[in-house]
Amino acid sequence: MPRGPLEYAIFEFPGNKFSGEIVPALHELVSTGVIRIVDLIFVKKDADGTAEAVELAALDPDEAAIFHRLDGEINGLVSQEDLELAAEELAPDSSAAVLVWENSWASRFIEAVTNANGRVVAHERIPNEVFEAALKHAMSEV
């Protein structure tokens, strides 16, 4: 059962074949305990805009083999509705990996907060563009 914060992202790639170039970086995050993969599914959108969800086991064997070294529990948390929303975001003739992960690096801290009868009252991911704009503004104020 996840104890750290959960997040998801949709990563779009041109074309409809997964090359696996992201796998080494993802494997490093998993093997060092930074994250734990909770769900991973793929979406492919043809040039005519027709989209389909593809489970890891249903990928072409060459494509699927790239992802076998990733440890994780593929739990089917991503719903059909989630996949349809993901497909709407994709450009024609592209593919996406829909990834749900636990920030397992935070588990110990979350446990400490809970043991101290604390609770999270706000948590938000700040986009890099927002951070850069705020930093630029702060630097101009100096």
N, C-alpha and C. Protein backbone atom coordinates (compact mmCIF):
# COMPACT_ATOMS: atom_id res chain seq x y z
N MET A 1 0.84 -1.18 0.00
CA MET A 1 0.00 0.00 0.00
C MET A 1 0.89 1.25 0.00
N PRO A 2 0.62 2.19 -0.89
CA PRO A 2 1.44 3.41 -0.96
C PRO A 2 1.36 4.20 0.34
N ARG A 3 2.50 4.74 0.74
CA ARG A 3 2.55 5.61 1.90
C ARG A 3 3.04 6.99 1.53
N GLY A 4 3.73 7.09 0.41
CA GLY A 4 4.18 8.39 -0.06
C GLY A 4 3.15 9.00 -0.98
N PRO A 5 3.31 10.27 -1.31
CA PRO A 5 2.37 10.93 -2.23
C PRO A 5 2.36 10.24 -3.59
N LEU A 6 1.18 10.17 -4.20
CA LEU A 6 1.03 9.59 -5.53
C LEU A 6 0.92 10.70 -6.56
N GLU A 7 1.49 10.46 -7.72
CA GLU A 7 1.40 11.40 -8.82
C GLU A 7 1.19 10.63 -10.12
N TYR A 8 0.75 11.37 -11.12
CA TYR A 8 0.65 10.77 -12.45
C TYR A 8 1.13 11.79 -13.47
N ALA A 9 1.52 11.28 -14.61
CA ALA A 9 1.90 12.14 -15.73
C ALA A 9 1.64 11.39 -17.02
N ILE A 10 1.42 12.16 -18.06
CA ILE A 10 1.26 11.62 -19.40
C ILE A 10 2.43 12.14 -20.22
N PHE A 11 3.23 11.22 -20.75
CA PHE A 11 4.40 11.59 -21.53
C PHE A 11 4.15 11.24 -22.99
N GLU A 12 4.10 12.26 -23.84
CA GLU A 12 3.79 12.07 -25.26
C GLU A 12 5.08 11.96 -26.08
N PHE A 13 5.05 11.07 -27.09
CA PHE A 13 6.19 10.86 -27.98
C PHE A 13 5.68 10.82 -29.42
N PRO A 14 6.42 11.39 -30.34
CA PRO A 14 5.99 11.32 -31.75
C PRO A 14 6.08 9.89 -32.27
N GLY A 15 5.18 9.56 -33.17
CA GLY A 15 5.16 8.22 -33.76
C GLY A 15 4.45 7.23 -32.86
N ASN A 16 4.30 6.03 -33.35
CA ASN A 16 3.57 5.02 -32.60
C ASN A 16 4.42 3.81 -32.25
N LYS A 17 5.68 4.06 -31.93
CA LYS A 17 6.56 2.99 -31.49
C LYS A 17 7.37 3.50 -30.31
N PHE A 18 7.37 2.74 -29.22
CA PHE A 18 8.13 3.13 -28.04
C PHE A 18 9.57 2.67 -28.18
N SER A 19 10.49 3.62 -28.12
CA SER A 19 11.90 3.28 -28.29
C SER A 19 12.55 2.85 -26.98
N GLY A 20 11.98 3.24 -25.86
CA GLY A 20 12.52 2.84 -24.57
C GLY A 20 13.63 3.72 -24.06
N GLU A 21 13.85 4.86 -24.69
CA GLU A 21 14.93 5.74 -24.25
C GLU A 21 14.71 6.29 -22.84
N ILE A 22 13.47 6.29 -22.36
CA ILE A 22 13.20 6.79 -21.02
C ILE A 22 13.42 5.73 -19.95
N VAL A 23 13.49 4.47 -20.35
CA VAL A 23 13.55 3.38 -19.38
C VAL A 23 14.77 3.44 -18.46
N PRO A 24 15.98 3.71 -18.94
CA PRO A 24 17.11 3.76 -18.00
C PRO A 24 16.93 4.79 -16.89
N ALA A 25 16.43 5.97 -17.22
CA ALA A 25 16.22 7.00 -16.20
C ALA A 25 15.11 6.57 -15.25
N LEU A 26 14.04 5.99 -15.77
CA LEU A 26 12.94 5.51 -14.94
C LEU A 26 13.41 4.37 -14.04
N HIS A 27 14.20 3.46 -14.60
CA HIS A 27 14.75 2.33 -13.83
C HIS A 27 15.62 2.84 -12.68
N GLU A 28 16.40 3.87 -12.92
CA GLU A 28 17.24 4.44 -11.87
C GLU A 28 16.39 4.98 -10.72
N LEU A 29 15.31 5.67 -11.05
CA LEU A 29 14.41 6.19 -10.01
C LEU A 29 13.80 5.06 -9.19
N VAL A 30 13.43 3.97 -9.85
CA VAL A 30 12.81 2.83 -9.17
C VAL A 30 13.85 2.08 -8.34
N SER A 31 14.99 1.77 -8.93
CA SER A 31 15.99 0.95 -8.25
C SER A 31 16.63 1.65 -7.05
N THR A 32 16.64 2.98 -7.04
CA THR A 32 17.20 3.71 -5.91
C THR A 32 16.15 4.04 -4.85
N GLY A 33 14.89 3.66 -5.10
CA GLY A 33 13.84 3.86 -4.12
C GLY A 33 13.24 5.26 -4.12
N VAL A 34 13.55 6.05 -5.13
CA VAL A 34 12.98 7.39 -5.20
C VAL A 34 11.49 7.31 -5.50
N ILE A 35 11.12 6.43 -6.44
CA ILE A 35 9.70 6.22 -6.77
C ILE A 35 9.40 4.74 -6.82
N ARG A 36 8.11 4.44 -6.80
CA ARG A 36 7.62 3.08 -7.03
C ARG A 36 6.51 3.20 -8.06
N ILE A 37 6.62 2.45 -9.13
CA ILE A 37 5.60 2.49 -10.17
C ILE A 37 4.35 1.80 -9.65
N VAL A 38 3.22 2.49 -9.76
CA VAL A 38 1.94 1.97 -9.31
C VAL A 38 1.10 1.52 -10.52
N ASP A 39 1.22 2.23 -11.63
CA ASP A 39 0.50 1.84 -12.84
C ASP A 39 1.22 2.41 -14.05
N LEU A 40 1.18 1.69 -15.13
CA LEU A 40 1.80 2.11 -16.39
C LEU A 40 0.98 1.53 -17.52
N ILE A 41 0.50 2.41 -18.38
CA ILE A 41 -0.27 1.98 -19.55
C ILE A 41 0.09 2.90 -20.70
N PHE A 42 -0.14 2.44 -21.90
CA PHE A 42 0.25 3.19 -23.08
C PHE A 42 -0.98 3.53 -23.91
N VAL A 43 -0.90 4.66 -24.60
CA VAL A 43 -1.96 5.10 -25.49
C VAL A 43 -1.30 5.40 -26.83
N LYS A 44 -1.92 4.91 -27.90
CA LYS A 44 -1.43 5.19 -29.25
C LYS A 44 -2.55 5.89 -30.03
N LYS A 45 -2.16 6.93 -30.74
CA LYS A 45 -3.14 7.67 -31.55
C LYS A 45 -2.65 7.67 -32.99
N ASP A 46 -3.49 7.15 -33.89
CA ASP A 46 -3.14 7.09 -35.31
C ASP A 46 -3.19 8.46 -35.96
N ALA A 47 -2.71 8.53 -37.20
CA ALA A 47 -2.71 9.79 -37.95
C ALA A 47 -4.13 10.33 -38.14
N ASP A 48 -5.11 9.43 -38.20
CA ASP A 48 -6.51 9.87 -38.39
C ASP A 48 -7.18 10.25 -37.07
N GLY A 49 -6.46 10.15 -35.95
CA GLY A 49 -6.99 10.55 -34.65
C GLY A 49 -7.61 9.44 -33.84
N THR A 50 -7.62 8.22 -34.35
CA THR A 50 -8.16 7.09 -33.61
C THR A 50 -7.16 6.66 -32.55
N ALA A 51 -7.63 6.57 -31.31
CA ALA A 51 -6.74 6.24 -30.20
C ALA A 51 -7.12 4.90 -29.59
N GLU A 52 -6.12 4.22 -29.05
CA GLU A 52 -6.35 2.97 -28.33
C GLU A 52 -5.39 2.87 -27.16
N ALA A 53 -5.89 2.30 -26.07
CA ALA A 53 -5.06 2.04 -24.90
C ALA A 53 -4.41 0.68 -25.10
N VAL A 54 -3.16 0.57 -24.68
CA VAL A 54 -2.42 -0.67 -24.86
C VAL A 54 -1.73 -1.01 -23.55
N GLU A 55 -2.08 -2.15 -22.97
CA GLU A 55 -1.41 -2.63 -21.76
C GLU A 55 0.01 -3.06 -22.13
N LEU A 56 0.88 -3.06 -21.15
CA LEU A 56 2.27 -3.46 -21.37
C LEU A 56 2.36 -4.83 -22.02
N ALA A 57 1.55 -5.77 -21.56
CA ALA A 57 1.58 -7.12 -22.10
C ALA A 57 1.12 -7.19 -23.55
N ALA A 58 0.38 -6.18 -24.02
CA ALA A 58 -0.16 -6.19 -25.38
C ALA A 58 0.73 -5.44 -26.37
N LEU A 59 1.80 -4.82 -25.87
CA LEU A 59 2.71 -4.14 -26.79
C LEU A 59 3.41 -5.16 -27.68
N ASP A 60 3.91 -4.69 -28.80
CA ASP A 60 4.76 -5.51 -29.64
C ASP A 60 5.87 -6.07 -28.75
N PRO A 61 6.24 -7.36 -28.90
CA PRO A 61 7.24 -7.95 -28.00
C PRO A 61 8.55 -7.16 -27.91
N ASP A 62 8.99 -6.56 -29.03
CA ASP A 62 10.22 -5.76 -28.99
C ASP A 62 10.03 -4.50 -28.14
N GLU A 63 8.86 -3.89 -28.24
CA GLU A 63 8.57 -2.70 -27.43
C GLU A 63 8.43 -3.08 -25.96
N ALA A 64 7.71 -4.15 -25.67
CA ALA A 64 7.46 -4.56 -24.29
C ALA A 64 8.73 -4.97 -23.58
N ALA A 65 9.65 -5.61 -24.29
CA ALA A 65 10.88 -6.10 -23.67
C ALA A 65 11.68 -4.98 -23.01
N ILE A 66 11.59 -3.79 -23.56
CA ILE A 66 12.32 -2.64 -23.04
C ILE A 66 11.88 -2.33 -21.61
N PHE A 67 10.61 -2.55 -21.31
CA PHE A 67 10.04 -2.16 -20.02
C PHE A 67 10.10 -3.26 -18.96
N HIS A 68 10.52 -4.47 -19.32
CA HIS A 68 10.51 -5.58 -18.38
C HIS A 68 11.43 -5.39 -17.19
N ARG A 69 12.47 -4.59 -17.32
CA ARG A 69 13.39 -4.42 -16.20
C ARG A 69 12.87 -3.46 -15.14
N LEU A 70 11.73 -2.84 -15.40
CA LEU A 70 11.14 -1.93 -14.42
C LEU A 70 10.35 -2.74 -13.39
N ASP A 71 10.66 -2.52 -12.13
CA ASP A 71 9.89 -3.15 -11.06
C ASP A 71 8.72 -2.24 -10.73
N GLY A 72 7.63 -2.85 -10.39
CA GLY A 72 6.47 -2.07 -9.98
C GLY A 72 5.25 -2.96 -9.90
N GLU A 73 4.20 -2.41 -9.38
CA GLU A 73 2.94 -3.11 -9.28
C GLU A 73 1.97 -2.44 -10.24
N ILE A 74 1.67 -3.10 -11.32
CA ILE A 74 0.74 -2.54 -12.29
C ILE A 74 -0.66 -2.93 -11.83
N ASN A 75 -1.36 -1.96 -11.26
CA ASN A 75 -2.61 -2.25 -10.57
C ASN A 75 -3.88 -1.89 -11.32
N GLY A 76 -3.80 -1.37 -12.51
CA GLY A 76 -5.01 -1.02 -13.22
C GLY A 76 -5.75 0.16 -12.63
N LEU A 77 -5.01 1.09 -12.03
CA LEU A 77 -5.64 2.27 -11.42
C LEU A 77 -6.12 3.28 -12.45
N VAL A 78 -5.49 3.28 -13.61
CA VAL A 78 -5.88 4.22 -14.67
C VAL A 78 -7.16 3.70 -15.30
N SER A 79 -8.22 4.51 -15.24
CA SER A 79 -9.52 4.09 -15.76
C SER A 79 -9.64 4.34 -17.26
N GLN A 80 -10.68 3.80 -17.84
CA GLN A 80 -10.97 4.04 -19.25
C GLN A 80 -11.19 5.53 -19.49
N GLU A 81 -11.87 6.18 -18.57
CA GLU A 81 -12.10 7.63 -18.69
C GLU A 81 -10.78 8.39 -18.67
N ASP A 82 -9.85 7.98 -17.79
CA ASP A 82 -8.53 8.60 -17.74
C ASP A 82 -7.81 8.47 -19.08
N LEU A 83 -7.91 7.29 -19.65
CA LEU A 83 -7.24 7.03 -20.93
C LEU A 83 -7.86 7.84 -22.06
N GLU A 84 -9.17 8.01 -22.03
CA GLU A 84 -9.83 8.82 -23.05
C GLU A 84 -9.40 10.28 -22.93
N LEU A 85 -9.28 10.78 -21.70
CA LEU A 85 -8.81 12.15 -21.49
C LEU A 85 -7.35 12.29 -21.96
N ALA A 86 -6.54 11.29 -21.70
CA ALA A 86 -5.15 11.32 -22.15
C ALA A 86 -5.09 11.35 -23.67
N ALA A 87 -5.91 10.53 -24.31
CA ALA A 87 -5.91 10.46 -25.78
C ALA A 87 -6.30 11.79 -26.40
N GLU A 88 -7.21 12.53 -25.75
CA GLU A 88 -7.63 13.83 -26.27
C GLU A 88 -6.45 14.81 -26.32
N GLU A 89 -5.50 14.66 -25.42
CA GLU A 89 -4.36 15.56 -25.35
C GLU A 89 -3.29 15.26 -26.39
N LEU A 90 -3.32 14.07 -26.96
CA LEU A 90 -2.26 13.64 -27.88
C LEU A 90 -2.44 14.20 -29.28
N ALA A 91 -1.32 14.50 -29.89
CA ALA A 91 -1.33 14.88 -31.31
C ALA A 91 -1.55 13.62 -32.14
N PRO A 92 -2.11 13.76 -33.35
CA PRO A 92 -2.24 12.59 -34.22
C PRO A 92 -0.87 11.97 -34.49
N ASP A 93 -0.86 10.65 -34.68
CA ASP A 93 0.35 9.88 -34.95
C ASP A 93 1.38 10.04 -33.83
N SER A 94 0.90 9.83 -32.60
CA SER A 94 1.80 9.89 -31.45
C SER A 94 1.42 8.81 -30.45
N SER A 95 2.28 8.63 -29.48
CA SER A 95 2.08 7.65 -28.43
C SER A 95 2.29 8.32 -27.09
N ALA A 96 1.76 7.71 -26.05
CA ALA A 96 1.97 8.26 -24.71
C ALA A 96 2.12 7.12 -23.71
N ALA A 97 2.92 7.39 -22.71
CA ALA A 97 3.00 6.52 -21.54
C ALA A 97 2.26 7.24 -20.43
N VAL A 98 1.29 6.57 -19.84
CA VAL A 98 0.56 7.13 -18.71
C VAL A 98 1.13 6.42 -17.48
N LEU A 99 1.77 7.20 -16.63
CA LEU A 99 2.51 6.64 -15.50
C LEU A 99 1.94 7.17 -14.19
N VAL A 100 1.64 6.25 -13.27
CA VAL A 100 1.25 6.61 -11.91
C VAL A 100 2.35 6.08 -11.00
N TRP A 101 2.87 6.95 -10.13
CA TRP A 101 3.95 6.53 -9.25
C TRP A 101 3.77 7.06 -7.85
N GLU A 102 4.37 6.34 -6.92
CA GLU A 102 4.43 6.78 -5.53
C GLU A 102 5.79 7.43 -5.32
N ASN A 103 5.79 8.59 -4.69
CA ASN A 103 7.04 9.23 -4.29
C ASN A 103 7.50 8.55 -3.01
N SER A 104 8.10 7.37 -3.17
CA SER A 104 8.47 6.57 -2.02
C SER A 104 9.54 7.22 -1.16
N TRP A 105 10.30 8.15 -1.74
CA TRP A 105 11.31 8.87 -0.96
C TRP A 105 10.66 9.62 0.21
N ALA A 106 9.37 9.94 0.10
CA ALA A 106 8.69 10.74 1.13
C ALA A 106 8.00 9.88 2.19
N SER A 107 8.02 8.58 2.05
CA SER A 107 7.28 7.71 2.97
C SER A 107 7.66 7.92 4.42
N ARG A 108 8.94 7.96 4.73
CA ARG A 108 9.40 8.13 6.11
C ARG A 108 8.93 9.47 6.68
N PHE A 109 9.00 10.51 5.87
CA PHE A 109 8.56 11.83 6.33
C PHE A 109 7.05 11.84 6.59
N ILE A 110 6.28 11.26 5.70
CA ILE A 110 4.82 11.19 5.87
C ILE A 110 4.49 10.41 7.15
N GLU A 111 5.21 9.34 7.39
CA GLU A 111 5.01 8.56 8.61
C GLU A 111 5.30 9.41 9.84
N ALA A 112 6.37 10.21 9.81
CA ALA A 112 6.71 11.08 10.93
C ALA A 112 5.63 12.13 11.17
N VAL A 113 5.11 12.71 10.10
CA VAL A 113 4.03 13.70 10.22
C VAL A 113 2.80 13.05 10.85
N THR A 114 2.45 11.87 10.38
CA THR A 114 1.29 11.15 10.90
C THR A 114 1.48 10.82 12.39
N ASN A 115 2.66 10.32 12.74
CA ASN A 115 2.95 9.98 14.14
C ASN A 115 2.90 11.20 15.05
N ALA A 116 3.14 12.38 14.49
CA ALA A 116 3.07 13.62 15.27
C ALA A 116 1.67 14.23 15.21
N ASN A 117 0.69 13.43 14.76
CA ASN A 117 -0.69 13.86 14.61
C ASN A 117 -0.83 15.04 13.65
N GLY A 118 0.07 15.12 12.71
CA GLY A 118 0.00 16.16 11.68
C GLY A 118 -0.75 15.66 10.47
N ARG A 119 -1.04 16.58 9.58
CA ARG A 119 -1.71 16.22 8.34
C ARG A 119 -1.30 17.22 7.26
N VAL A 120 -1.36 16.79 6.03
CA VAL A 120 -1.07 17.66 4.91
C VAL A 120 -2.31 18.51 4.66
N VAL A 121 -2.16 19.81 4.65
CA VAL A 121 -3.30 20.68 4.38
C VAL A 121 -3.20 21.32 3.00
N ALA A 122 -2.04 21.27 2.39
CA ALA A 122 -1.87 21.74 1.02
C ALA A 122 -0.64 21.08 0.42
N HIS A 123 -0.75 20.73 -0.83
CA HIS A 123 0.38 20.17 -1.56
C HIS A 123 0.11 20.40 -3.03
N GLU A 124 1.04 21.01 -3.71
CA GLU A 124 0.86 21.27 -5.14
C GLU A 124 2.20 21.23 -5.83
N ARG A 125 2.22 20.70 -7.02
CA ARG A 125 3.42 20.68 -7.84
C ARG A 125 3.51 22.03 -8.52
N ILE A 126 4.66 22.69 -8.41
CA ILE A 126 4.85 24.00 -9.03
C ILE A 126 5.55 23.77 -10.37
N PRO A 127 4.91 24.15 -11.47
CA PRO A 127 5.54 23.97 -12.79
C PRO A 127 6.84 24.76 -12.88
N ASN A 128 7.80 24.20 -13.57
CA ASN A 128 9.11 24.82 -13.71
C ASN A 128 9.01 26.24 -14.29
N GLU A 129 8.10 26.45 -15.23
CA GLU A 129 7.94 27.78 -15.83
C GLU A 129 7.53 28.81 -14.79
N VAL A 130 6.66 28.41 -13.85
CA VAL A 130 6.21 29.31 -12.79
C VAL A 130 7.38 29.63 -11.86
N PHE A 131 8.16 28.61 -11.51
CA PHE A 131 9.33 28.82 -10.66
C PHE A 131 10.32 29.77 -11.33
N GLU A 132 10.60 29.53 -12.60
CA GLU A 132 11.55 30.38 -13.31
C GLU A 132 11.08 31.83 -13.37
N ALA A 133 9.78 32.03 -13.62
CA ALA A 133 9.23 33.39 -13.66
C ALA A 133 9.33 34.05 -12.28
N ALA A 134 9.02 33.32 -11.22
CA ALA A 134 9.11 33.87 -9.87
C ALA A 134 10.56 34.20 -9.51
N LEU A 135 11.47 33.32 -9.90
CA LEU A 135 12.90 33.57 -9.63
C LEU A 135 13.39 34.80 -10.39
N LYS A 136 12.99 34.93 -11.64
CA LYS A 136 13.38 36.09 -12.43
C LYS A 136 12.84 37.37 -11.80
N HIS A 137 11.59 37.32 -11.34
CA HIS A 137 10.98 38.48 -10.68
C HIS A 137 11.72 38.81 -9.39
N ALA A 138 12.03 37.79 -8.59
CA ALA A 138 12.73 38.03 -7.32
C ALA A 138 14.12 38.61 -7.56
N MET A 139 14.78 38.16 -8.60
CA MET A 139 16.12 38.66 -8.92
C MET A 139 16.06 40.10 -9.38
N SER A 140 14.98 40.48 -10.05
CA SER A 140 14.84 41.86 -10.53
C SER A 140 14.54 42.82 -9.38
N GLU A 141 14.03 42.30 -8.27
CA GLU A 141 13.70 43.11 -7.11
C GLU A 141 14.95 43.43 -6.28
N VAL A 142 16.02 42.69 -6.49
CA VAL A 142 17.24 42.87 -5.67
C VAL A 142 18.05 44.04 -6.13
